[in-house]
N, C-alpha and C. Protein backbone atom coordinates (compact mmCIF):
# COMPACT_ATOMS: atom_id res chain seq x y z
N MET A 1 80.23 161.40 -20.27
CA MET A 1 79.83 162.43 -20.97
C MET A 1 78.59 162.34 -21.43
N PRO A 2 77.39 163.22 -21.44
CA PRO A 2 76.39 163.05 -21.95
C PRO A 2 76.46 163.01 -23.74
N GLN A 3 75.63 162.36 -24.46
CA GLN A 3 75.71 162.34 -25.95
C GLN A 3 75.20 163.88 -26.35
N THR A 4 75.53 164.20 -27.46
CA THR A 4 75.07 165.33 -28.28
C THR A 4 73.92 165.14 -28.88
N LYS A 5 72.91 165.98 -29.29
CA LYS A 5 71.79 165.62 -30.07
C LYS A 5 72.33 165.09 -31.52
N GLN A 6 73.16 165.37 -31.87
CA GLN A 6 73.79 164.87 -33.15
C GLN A 6 73.98 163.24 -33.02
N GLN A 7 74.99 163.10 -31.83
CA GLN A 7 75.05 161.47 -31.79
C GLN A 7 73.76 160.88 -31.42
N LEU A 8 72.85 161.21 -30.35
CA LEU A 8 71.37 160.57 -30.53
C LEU A 8 70.78 160.32 -31.54
N ARG A 9 70.92 161.44 -32.72
CA ARG A 9 70.03 161.13 -33.94
C ARG A 9 70.67 160.14 -34.61
N ILE A 10 71.86 160.04 -34.71
CA ILE A 10 72.50 159.09 -35.60
C ILE A 10 72.32 157.42 -34.90
N GLU A 11 72.40 157.48 -33.61
CA GLU A 11 72.21 156.32 -32.92
C GLU A 11 70.88 155.99 -33.03
N MET A 12 69.84 156.89 -32.85
CA MET A 12 68.29 156.67 -33.26
C MET A 12 68.14 156.00 -34.70
N LYS A 13 68.66 156.53 -35.58
CA LYS A 13 68.69 156.62 -37.31
C LYS A 13 69.28 155.29 -37.52
N ALA A 14 70.21 154.71 -36.85
CA ALA A 14 70.76 153.40 -36.80
C ALA A 14 69.75 152.26 -36.20
N ARG A 15 69.22 152.44 -34.88
CA ARG A 15 68.47 151.74 -34.38
C ARG A 15 67.05 151.26 -35.23
N ARG A 16 66.61 152.57 -35.98
CA ARG A 16 65.23 152.61 -36.91
C ARG A 16 65.62 151.75 -37.96
N ALA A 17 66.87 151.82 -38.66
CA ALA A 17 67.17 151.17 -39.95
C ALA A 17 67.23 149.72 -39.45
N ALA A 18 67.83 149.36 -38.52
CA ALA A 18 67.42 147.98 -38.17
C ALA A 18 66.27 147.44 -38.02
N MET A 19 65.21 148.12 -37.62
CA MET A 19 64.00 147.29 -37.71
C MET A 19 63.45 147.06 -39.25
N SER A 20 62.76 145.68 -39.32
CA SER A 20 62.15 145.38 -40.37
C SER A 20 60.92 146.16 -40.82
N ALA A 21 60.23 146.12 -42.09
CA ALA A 21 59.34 146.82 -42.28
C ALA A 21 58.02 146.26 -41.56
N ASP A 22 58.16 145.10 -41.22
CA ASP A 22 56.90 144.48 -40.53
C ASP A 22 57.10 145.05 -39.26
N GLU A 23 58.27 145.21 -38.54
CA GLU A 23 58.33 145.45 -37.40
C GLU A 23 57.89 147.23 -37.09
N VAL A 24 58.11 148.01 -38.15
CA VAL A 24 58.11 149.33 -38.09
C VAL A 24 56.01 149.46 -38.25
N ALA A 25 55.75 148.68 -39.13
CA ALA A 25 54.33 148.66 -39.36
C ALA A 25 53.43 148.32 -37.88
N ILE A 26 53.97 147.31 -37.31
CA ILE A 26 53.35 146.79 -36.06
C ILE A 26 53.58 147.96 -34.95
N ALA A 27 54.85 148.73 -34.67
CA ALA A 27 54.84 149.66 -33.96
C ALA A 27 54.10 150.77 -34.17
N SER A 28 53.91 151.03 -35.36
CA SER A 28 53.36 152.50 -35.75
C SER A 28 51.89 152.16 -35.65
N GLY A 29 51.26 150.95 -36.00
CA GLY A 29 49.81 150.53 -35.56
C GLY A 29 49.43 150.66 -34.27
N ALA A 30 50.46 150.39 -33.13
CA ALA A 30 50.26 150.22 -31.80
C ALA A 30 50.01 151.75 -31.10
N ILE A 31 51.11 152.69 -31.91
CA ILE A 31 50.78 153.91 -31.63
C ILE A 31 49.53 154.66 -31.88
N ARG A 32 49.31 154.23 -33.19
CA ARG A 32 48.12 154.80 -33.85
C ARG A 32 46.83 154.74 -32.68
N ARG A 33 46.64 152.92 -32.50
CA ARG A 33 45.91 152.80 -31.81
C ARG A 33 45.69 153.59 -30.22
N ARG A 34 46.79 154.04 -29.84
CA ARG A 34 47.18 154.33 -28.45
C ARG A 34 46.60 155.98 -28.62
N VAL A 35 47.18 156.62 -29.74
CA VAL A 35 46.84 157.98 -29.88
C VAL A 35 44.96 158.12 -30.01
N LEU A 36 44.52 157.30 -30.93
CA LEU A 36 43.07 157.41 -31.31
C LEU A 36 42.24 157.13 -29.69
N ASP A 37 42.74 156.61 -28.89
CA ASP A 37 42.07 156.33 -27.56
C ASP A 37 42.39 157.47 -26.66
N LEU A 38 43.22 158.35 -26.95
CA LEU A 38 43.26 159.45 -25.80
C LEU A 38 42.29 160.51 -25.57
N ASP A 39 41.62 160.66 -24.59
CA ASP A 39 40.79 161.19 -24.10
C ASP A 39 41.01 162.72 -24.80
N GLN A 40 42.27 163.33 -24.56
CA GLN A 40 42.61 164.46 -25.01
C GLN A 40 42.38 164.50 -26.58
N LEU A 41 42.60 163.72 -27.44
CA LEU A 41 42.32 163.78 -28.71
C LEU A 41 40.71 163.90 -29.03
N ARG A 42 40.03 162.99 -28.39
CA ARG A 42 38.45 162.98 -28.66
C ARG A 42 38.17 164.44 -28.22
N ASP A 43 38.65 165.35 -27.39
CA ASP A 43 38.32 166.57 -26.97
C ASP A 43 38.80 167.58 -27.98
N ALA A 44 39.98 167.26 -28.91
CA ALA A 44 40.38 168.22 -29.61
C ALA A 44 39.60 168.70 -30.89
N ARG A 45 39.96 169.96 -31.30
CA ARG A 45 39.15 170.80 -32.42
C ARG A 45 39.97 170.06 -33.64
N CYS A 46 41.22 170.18 -33.46
CA CYS A 46 41.95 169.99 -34.73
C CYS A 46 43.29 169.38 -34.18
N VAL A 47 43.88 168.33 -34.99
CA VAL A 47 45.34 167.90 -35.16
C VAL A 47 45.99 168.19 -36.00
N PHE A 48 47.34 168.53 -35.48
CA PHE A 48 48.47 168.91 -36.20
C PHE A 48 49.45 167.92 -36.25
N THR A 49 49.66 167.69 -37.50
CA THR A 49 50.74 166.62 -37.50
C THR A 49 51.50 166.68 -39.01
N TYR A 50 52.31 165.66 -39.39
CA TYR A 50 52.99 165.91 -40.76
C TYR A 50 53.18 164.30 -41.14
N VAL A 51 53.29 164.25 -42.45
CA VAL A 51 53.33 162.88 -42.62
C VAL A 51 55.07 162.34 -42.30
N SER A 52 55.13 161.42 -41.55
CA SER A 52 56.37 160.87 -41.16
C SER A 52 57.28 160.60 -42.31
N ILE A 53 58.45 160.55 -41.99
CA ILE A 53 59.68 160.01 -43.08
C ILE A 53 60.30 159.00 -42.24
N HIS A 54 61.41 158.43 -42.55
CA HIS A 54 62.06 157.11 -42.26
C HIS A 54 62.15 157.19 -40.45
N ASN A 55 62.57 158.12 -40.13
CA ASN A 55 62.96 157.59 -38.60
C ASN A 55 61.64 157.77 -37.57
N GLU A 56 60.60 157.56 -38.09
CA GLU A 56 59.38 158.18 -36.92
C GLU A 56 58.39 157.32 -37.31
N PRO A 57 57.36 157.23 -36.43
CA PRO A 57 56.11 156.20 -36.69
C PRO A 57 55.53 156.86 -37.81
N ASP A 58 54.90 155.86 -38.64
CA ASP A 58 54.42 156.34 -39.67
C ASP A 58 52.86 156.85 -39.65
N THR A 59 52.70 158.18 -39.75
CA THR A 59 51.60 159.21 -39.58
C THR A 59 50.32 159.02 -40.72
N ARG A 60 50.67 158.46 -41.57
CA ARG A 60 49.59 158.50 -42.73
C ARG A 60 48.27 157.65 -42.49
N LYS A 61 48.16 156.60 -42.10
CA LYS A 61 47.06 155.95 -41.53
C LYS A 61 46.43 156.50 -40.56
N LEU A 62 47.27 157.19 -39.59
CA LEU A 62 46.66 157.96 -38.53
C LEU A 62 45.97 159.17 -38.81
N ILE A 63 46.69 159.84 -40.13
CA ILE A 63 45.67 160.98 -40.45
C ILE A 63 44.62 160.60 -41.27
N HIS A 64 44.53 159.50 -41.95
CA HIS A 64 43.22 158.82 -42.73
C HIS A 64 42.49 158.65 -41.64
N ASP A 65 42.79 158.18 -40.52
CA ASP A 65 41.70 157.68 -39.48
C ASP A 65 41.46 158.98 -38.73
N LEU A 66 42.05 160.06 -38.24
CA LEU A 66 41.79 161.23 -38.03
C LEU A 66 40.69 162.01 -38.82
N LEU A 67 40.84 161.71 -40.09
CA LEU A 67 39.96 162.79 -41.13
C LEU A 67 38.71 161.72 -41.23
N ALA A 68 38.87 160.39 -41.27
CA ALA A 68 37.51 159.66 -41.21
C ALA A 68 36.54 159.87 -39.88
N ALA A 69 37.25 160.19 -38.82
CA ALA A 69 36.57 160.51 -37.52
C ALA A 69 36.17 161.68 -37.86
N GLY A 70 36.28 162.78 -38.77
CA GLY A 70 35.80 163.97 -38.58
C GLY A 70 36.58 165.05 -38.09
N LYS A 71 37.84 164.62 -37.41
CA LYS A 71 38.70 165.71 -37.10
C LYS A 71 39.20 166.50 -38.09
N ARG A 72 39.32 167.71 -38.01
CA ARG A 72 40.13 168.67 -38.78
C ARG A 72 41.40 168.38 -38.81
N VAL A 73 42.40 168.17 -39.85
CA VAL A 73 43.86 167.93 -39.56
C VAL A 73 44.39 169.10 -40.06
N SER A 74 45.32 169.44 -39.57
CA SER A 74 46.68 170.74 -40.20
C SER A 74 47.73 170.14 -40.27
N VAL A 75 48.45 170.53 -41.32
CA VAL A 75 50.04 169.97 -41.35
C VAL A 75 50.85 171.25 -41.85
N PRO A 76 52.20 171.47 -41.12
CA PRO A 76 53.05 172.29 -41.15
C PRO A 76 53.72 172.76 -42.47
N ARG A 77 53.92 174.20 -42.51
CA ARG A 77 54.61 174.55 -43.52
C ARG A 77 55.34 175.75 -43.05
N LEU A 78 56.50 175.91 -43.56
CA LEU A 78 57.31 176.95 -43.25
C LEU A 78 56.97 178.09 -43.77
N GLY A 79 56.87 179.28 -43.27
CA GLY A 79 56.29 180.65 -44.15
C GLY A 79 57.67 181.20 -44.57
N PRO A 80 57.34 182.33 -45.38
CA PRO A 80 58.18 183.28 -45.63
C PRO A 80 59.05 183.93 -44.44
N ASP A 81 58.62 184.13 -43.50
CA ASP A 81 59.03 184.41 -42.08
C ASP A 81 60.11 183.36 -41.49
N GLY A 82 60.00 182.48 -41.96
CA GLY A 82 60.69 181.30 -41.07
C GLY A 82 60.02 180.43 -40.17
N LEU A 83 58.91 180.95 -39.98
CA LEU A 83 57.71 180.30 -38.84
C LEU A 83 56.95 179.35 -39.39
N MET A 84 56.63 178.35 -38.35
CA MET A 84 55.91 177.30 -39.09
C MET A 84 54.31 177.86 -39.09
N GLN A 85 53.51 177.54 -40.23
CA GLN A 85 52.07 177.76 -40.07
C GLN A 85 51.42 176.60 -40.37
N ALA A 86 50.35 176.13 -39.85
CA ALA A 86 49.23 175.25 -39.98
C ALA A 86 48.31 175.42 -41.17
N HIS A 87 48.42 174.50 -42.25
CA HIS A 87 47.23 174.64 -43.38
C HIS A 87 46.32 173.27 -43.07
N GLN A 88 45.14 173.35 -43.02
CA GLN A 88 44.32 172.39 -43.11
C GLN A 88 44.12 171.81 -44.27
N ILE A 89 44.14 170.13 -44.23
CA ILE A 89 43.82 169.52 -45.50
C ILE A 89 42.78 168.67 -45.13
N ASP A 90 42.22 168.27 -46.39
CA ASP A 90 40.94 167.54 -46.43
C ASP A 90 41.15 166.00 -46.63
N SER A 91 42.37 165.55 -47.04
CA SER A 91 42.73 164.07 -47.72
C SER A 91 43.86 163.98 -47.57
N LEU A 92 44.50 162.57 -47.81
CA LEU A 92 45.79 162.39 -47.92
C LEU A 92 46.21 162.64 -49.23
N ASP A 93 45.23 162.92 -50.14
CA ASP A 93 45.80 163.36 -51.51
C ASP A 93 46.12 164.80 -51.54
N ASP A 94 46.38 165.47 -50.39
CA ASP A 94 46.72 166.93 -50.13
C ASP A 94 48.22 166.86 -49.73
N LEU A 95 48.60 165.48 -49.51
CA LEU A 95 50.14 165.40 -49.15
C LEU A 95 50.93 165.10 -50.36
N LEU A 96 52.29 165.27 -50.23
CA LEU A 96 53.46 164.92 -51.07
C LEU A 96 54.05 163.84 -50.28
N PRO A 97 55.06 163.10 -51.10
CA PRO A 97 56.17 162.53 -50.38
C PRO A 97 57.11 163.62 -49.53
N ALA A 98 57.49 163.36 -48.32
CA ALA A 98 58.13 164.21 -47.65
C ALA A 98 59.54 164.70 -48.23
N GLY A 99 59.87 165.79 -48.39
CA GLY A 99 61.12 166.53 -48.80
C GLY A 99 61.72 167.10 -48.03
N PRO A 100 62.92 167.77 -48.12
CA PRO A 100 63.70 168.58 -46.97
C PRO A 100 63.17 169.73 -46.52
N ASP A 101 62.58 170.29 -47.41
CA ASP A 101 61.83 171.80 -47.02
C ASP A 101 60.20 171.61 -47.08
N GLN A 102 59.61 170.54 -47.18
CA GLN A 102 58.10 170.29 -47.51
C GLN A 102 57.53 169.99 -46.32
N PHE A 103 58.01 169.09 -45.52
CA PHE A 103 57.46 168.41 -44.45
C PHE A 103 56.42 167.54 -44.64
N GLY A 104 56.31 167.05 -46.07
CA GLY A 104 55.36 165.88 -46.59
C GLY A 104 53.96 166.95 -47.14
N ILE A 105 54.09 168.26 -47.38
CA ILE A 105 53.06 168.66 -48.06
C ILE A 105 53.33 169.50 -49.16
N PRO A 106 52.38 169.80 -49.98
CA PRO A 106 52.70 170.90 -51.10
C PRO A 106 52.56 172.21 -50.70
N VAL A 107 53.24 173.12 -51.20
CA VAL A 107 53.10 174.56 -51.07
C VAL A 107 51.67 174.98 -51.16
N PRO A 108 51.05 175.25 -49.91
CA PRO A 108 49.50 175.75 -50.54
C PRO A 108 49.51 176.89 -51.21
N ALA A 109 48.33 176.87 -51.70
CA ALA A 109 47.83 178.25 -52.47
C ALA A 109 47.57 179.29 -51.46
N SER A 110 47.61 180.41 -52.27
CA SER A 110 47.78 181.49 -51.13
C SER A 110 46.33 181.46 -50.52
N ASP A 111 45.24 181.05 -50.74
CA ASP A 111 43.82 181.07 -50.09
C ASP A 111 43.78 179.72 -49.29
N SER A 112 44.56 178.89 -48.94
CA SER A 112 44.57 177.77 -48.42
C SER A 112 44.14 178.16 -46.77
N PRO A 113 43.12 177.31 -46.38
CA PRO A 113 42.64 177.55 -45.25
C PRO A 113 43.73 177.29 -43.81
N ILE A 114 43.82 178.04 -43.16
CA ILE A 114 44.59 178.14 -42.22
C ILE A 114 44.25 177.81 -40.67
N GLU A 115 44.59 176.98 -39.92
CA GLU A 115 43.84 176.44 -38.70
C GLU A 115 45.12 176.92 -37.55
N PRO A 116 44.93 178.26 -37.14
CA PRO A 116 46.43 178.53 -36.51
C PRO A 116 46.45 178.01 -35.01
N HIS A 117 45.23 177.57 -34.39
CA HIS A 117 45.09 177.01 -32.90
C HIS A 117 44.39 175.64 -33.30
N PRO A 118 45.09 174.77 -33.43
CA PRO A 118 44.75 173.48 -33.18
C PRO A 118 44.78 173.06 -31.82
N GLY A 119 43.58 172.24 -31.44
CA GLY A 119 43.60 171.69 -30.11
C GLY A 119 44.55 170.84 -29.65
N VAL A 120 44.97 170.26 -30.39
CA VAL A 120 46.23 169.21 -30.06
C VAL A 120 47.26 169.40 -31.04
N ALA A 121 48.40 169.08 -30.96
CA ALA A 121 49.54 169.06 -31.95
C ALA A 121 50.37 167.38 -31.55
N LEU A 122 50.27 166.73 -32.60
CA LEU A 122 51.03 165.49 -32.76
C LEU A 122 52.36 165.77 -33.34
N VAL A 123 53.34 165.44 -32.54
CA VAL A 123 54.87 166.15 -33.01
C VAL A 123 55.52 164.91 -33.16
N PRO A 124 55.77 164.32 -34.49
CA PRO A 124 56.77 163.10 -34.43
C PRO A 124 58.17 163.58 -34.27
N GLY A 125 58.99 162.90 -33.68
CA GLY A 125 60.41 162.94 -33.66
C GLY A 125 61.35 162.00 -33.34
N LEU A 126 62.68 162.05 -33.65
CA LEU A 126 63.72 160.96 -33.67
C LEU A 126 63.66 160.59 -32.30
N ALA A 127 63.67 161.42 -31.20
CA ALA A 127 64.07 161.07 -29.83
C ALA A 127 63.31 161.83 -28.84
N PHE A 128 63.10 161.44 -27.90
CA PHE A 128 62.56 162.45 -26.70
C PHE A 128 63.10 162.06 -25.45
N THR A 129 63.17 163.07 -24.51
CA THR A 129 63.54 162.61 -23.15
C THR A 129 62.58 162.02 -22.36
N GLU A 130 62.57 161.54 -20.96
CA GLU A 130 61.45 161.27 -20.37
C GLU A 130 60.63 162.35 -19.86
N ALA A 131 61.28 163.53 -19.77
CA ALA A 131 60.71 164.81 -19.40
C ALA A 131 59.59 165.49 -20.38
N GLY A 132 59.85 164.62 -21.71
CA GLY A 132 59.24 165.37 -22.80
C GLY A 132 60.18 166.07 -23.65
N ASN A 133 61.09 166.50 -23.38
CA ASN A 133 62.01 167.42 -24.38
C ASN A 133 62.10 166.68 -25.75
N ARG A 134 61.93 167.17 -26.83
CA ARG A 134 61.97 166.64 -28.10
C ARG A 134 63.27 166.90 -28.87
N LEU A 135 63.91 165.92 -29.50
CA LEU A 135 65.38 165.70 -29.79
C LEU A 135 65.20 165.64 -31.21
N GLY A 136 64.16 165.61 -31.96
CA GLY A 136 63.96 165.55 -33.53
C GLY A 136 64.57 166.46 -34.16
N LEU A 137 64.79 166.09 -35.65
CA LEU A 137 64.77 166.89 -36.59
C LEU A 137 64.19 168.29 -36.67
N GLY A 138 64.21 169.20 -37.21
CA GLY A 138 63.23 170.68 -37.25
C GLY A 138 62.76 170.72 -35.99
N GLY A 139 63.23 170.38 -34.81
CA GLY A 139 62.56 170.84 -33.31
C GLY A 139 62.34 172.16 -33.13
N GLY A 140 63.32 172.94 -33.86
CA GLY A 140 63.38 174.42 -33.62
C GLY A 140 61.95 175.00 -34.27
N HIS A 141 61.82 174.56 -35.37
CA HIS A 141 60.53 175.10 -35.73
C HIS A 141 59.39 174.60 -35.34
N TYR A 142 59.05 173.65 -34.91
CA TYR A 142 58.13 173.41 -33.78
C TYR A 142 57.91 174.05 -32.66
N ASP A 143 59.26 174.21 -32.02
CA ASP A 143 59.26 175.03 -30.70
C ASP A 143 58.54 176.36 -30.91
N ARG A 144 59.29 176.97 -31.84
CA ARG A 144 58.60 178.43 -32.37
C ARG A 144 56.92 178.48 -32.68
N TYR A 145 56.49 177.47 -33.30
CA TYR A 145 55.18 177.00 -33.67
C TYR A 145 54.15 177.07 -32.25
N LEU A 146 54.86 176.11 -31.48
CA LEU A 146 54.34 175.81 -29.94
C LEU A 146 54.16 177.09 -29.22
N ALA A 147 55.19 177.71 -29.47
CA ALA A 147 55.25 178.92 -28.30
C ALA A 147 54.69 180.06 -28.89
N ASN A 148 54.17 180.09 -30.26
CA ASN A 148 53.36 181.07 -30.56
C ASN A 148 51.84 180.73 -30.68
N HIS A 149 51.69 179.46 -30.18
CA HIS A 149 50.13 178.97 -29.89
C HIS A 149 49.69 178.63 -28.50
N PRO A 150 49.93 179.58 -27.57
CA PRO A 150 49.85 178.82 -26.11
C PRO A 150 48.36 178.14 -26.20
N GLY A 151 48.40 177.19 -25.17
CA GLY A 151 47.13 176.36 -25.02
C GLY A 151 47.18 174.87 -25.96
N THR A 152 47.95 175.13 -27.04
CA THR A 152 48.15 173.66 -27.81
C THR A 152 48.81 172.66 -26.90
N LEU A 153 48.39 171.68 -26.90
CA LEU A 153 48.60 170.29 -26.13
C LEU A 153 49.68 169.57 -27.33
N ALA A 154 50.90 169.62 -26.82
CA ALA A 154 51.67 168.94 -27.85
C ALA A 154 52.04 167.25 -27.33
N ILE A 155 51.71 166.33 -28.49
CA ILE A 155 52.15 165.04 -27.92
C ILE A 155 52.67 164.62 -29.10
N GLY A 156 53.96 163.90 -28.54
CA GLY A 156 55.06 163.62 -29.30
C GLY A 156 54.83 161.98 -29.55
N LEU A 157 55.11 161.73 -30.74
CA LEU A 157 54.70 160.32 -31.16
C LEU A 157 56.26 159.79 -31.41
N CYS A 158 56.56 158.60 -30.94
CA CYS A 158 57.95 157.92 -31.25
C CYS A 158 57.87 156.36 -30.78
N PHE A 159 58.68 155.76 -31.06
CA PHE A 159 58.85 154.13 -30.62
C PHE A 159 59.38 154.38 -29.18
N GLY A 160 59.27 153.02 -28.50
CA GLY A 160 59.31 153.23 -27.03
C GLY A 160 61.03 153.50 -27.15
N TRP A 161 61.88 152.63 -27.80
CA TRP A 161 63.29 152.86 -27.57
C TRP A 161 63.91 154.24 -28.17
N GLN A 162 62.94 154.89 -28.28
CA GLN A 162 63.49 156.46 -28.78
C GLN A 162 63.08 157.54 -27.54
N VAL A 163 62.94 157.05 -26.22
CA VAL A 163 62.58 157.78 -25.11
C VAL A 163 64.07 157.61 -24.24
N VAL A 164 64.57 158.67 -24.48
CA VAL A 164 65.98 158.77 -23.67
C VAL A 164 65.82 159.57 -22.13
N ASN A 165 67.08 159.06 -21.40
CA ASN A 165 67.00 160.02 -20.10
C ASN A 165 67.70 161.02 -19.90
N THR A 166 68.47 161.37 -20.77
CA THR A 166 69.43 162.77 -20.64
C THR A 166 68.79 163.74 -21.93
N LEU A 167 69.05 165.10 -21.46
CA LEU A 167 69.01 166.00 -22.41
C LEU A 167 70.48 166.48 -22.71
N PRO A 168 70.69 166.45 -23.73
CA PRO A 168 72.04 167.32 -24.34
C PRO A 168 72.10 168.55 -23.87
N ALA A 169 73.13 168.99 -23.60
CA ALA A 169 73.44 170.43 -23.11
C ALA A 169 73.00 171.51 -24.27
N GLU A 170 73.10 171.14 -25.49
CA GLU A 170 72.92 172.29 -26.61
C GLU A 170 71.39 172.22 -26.82
N SER A 171 70.67 171.57 -26.33
CA SER A 171 69.12 171.30 -26.62
C SER A 171 68.66 172.45 -26.23
N HIS A 172 67.55 173.04 -27.14
CA HIS A 172 66.97 173.99 -26.42
C HIS A 172 65.04 173.71 -26.84
N ASP A 173 64.97 172.51 -27.06
CA ASP A 173 63.82 172.14 -27.43
C ASP A 173 62.86 172.51 -26.41
N GLN A 174 61.58 172.73 -26.91
CA GLN A 174 60.37 173.35 -25.84
C GLN A 174 59.69 171.67 -25.49
N PRO A 175 59.43 171.47 -24.11
CA PRO A 175 58.95 170.11 -23.61
C PRO A 175 57.77 169.68 -24.48
N ILE A 176 57.54 168.72 -24.42
CA ILE A 176 56.25 168.14 -24.99
C ILE A 176 55.56 167.48 -23.75
N GLN A 177 53.98 167.74 -23.81
CA GLN A 177 53.06 167.49 -22.64
C GLN A 177 53.00 165.77 -22.58
N MET A 178 53.14 165.40 -23.43
CA MET A 178 52.77 163.59 -23.40
C MET A 178 53.53 163.10 -24.72
N LEU A 179 53.95 161.91 -24.14
CA LEU A 179 54.67 161.08 -25.30
C LEU A 179 53.58 159.61 -25.55
N VAL A 180 53.48 159.44 -26.44
CA VAL A 180 52.86 158.30 -27.09
C VAL A 180 53.68 157.20 -27.73
N THR A 181 53.89 156.16 -27.33
CA THR A 181 54.83 155.25 -27.89
C THR A 181 54.23 153.85 -28.23
N ASP A 182 54.81 153.06 -28.93
CA ASP A 182 54.32 151.63 -29.12
C ASP A 182 53.95 150.96 -27.81
N SER A 183 54.51 151.20 -26.76
CA SER A 183 54.28 150.59 -25.48
C SER A 183 53.70 151.25 -24.31
N ARG A 184 53.60 152.42 -24.47
CA ARG A 184 52.70 153.06 -23.44
C ARG A 184 52.70 154.68 -23.76
N VAL A 185 51.91 155.32 -22.76
CA VAL A 185 51.71 156.73 -22.89
C VAL A 185 52.32 157.20 -21.66
N ILE A 186 53.25 158.48 -21.83
CA ILE A 186 54.14 158.92 -20.95
C ILE A 186 53.62 160.39 -20.66
N PRO A 187 52.95 160.66 -19.50
CA PRO A 187 52.57 162.17 -19.26
C PRO A 187 54.10 162.64 -18.77
N CYS A 188 54.02 164.15 -19.34
CA CYS A 188 55.37 164.69 -19.11
C CYS A 188 55.19 165.82 -18.25
N CYS A 189 56.05 166.29 -17.76
CA CYS A 189 56.19 167.63 -17.04
C CYS A 189 56.66 168.43 -17.87
N GLY A 190 56.22 169.95 -18.09
CA GLY A 190 57.04 171.03 -18.69
C GLY A 190 56.67 172.13 -18.42
């Protein structure tokens, strides 16, 4: 019997918790280098990502590198309508430690610049299937965002062991078009 999403999340959390800080840093660095080397990233107008938390690759250095390279970086925020919005940031100082409802960003002022159509979306997640279905927490919010922004290239960031072969029956996540792990880049069909 296939695992449920909740069972997969618990398993992935336990595996991540077993990694040392050095192992996480090495794997996150490998992912960052692979992302920065992507042709699709070089061609992107804007990158959409968030500050990762405990079970995901560390995106803070990636955000720093993207800003240093002159890329526009947008981070998500849930709007009053419950839909994901993208808000452009200028530095890591615009970010806060991730909270359950903050996605690692402060609530932007009403005049915050919004970049609604990023050229590429980097979507961290707890686990993905080989076909690119994301099984991470908050996936439904990203699904709505991506569904409302056709043409966005969604790239999932995860550790290699977080790529699984089966899709739980209750999953409704949108497929990601490419996965970047610490060991390989996986083109996905969707």
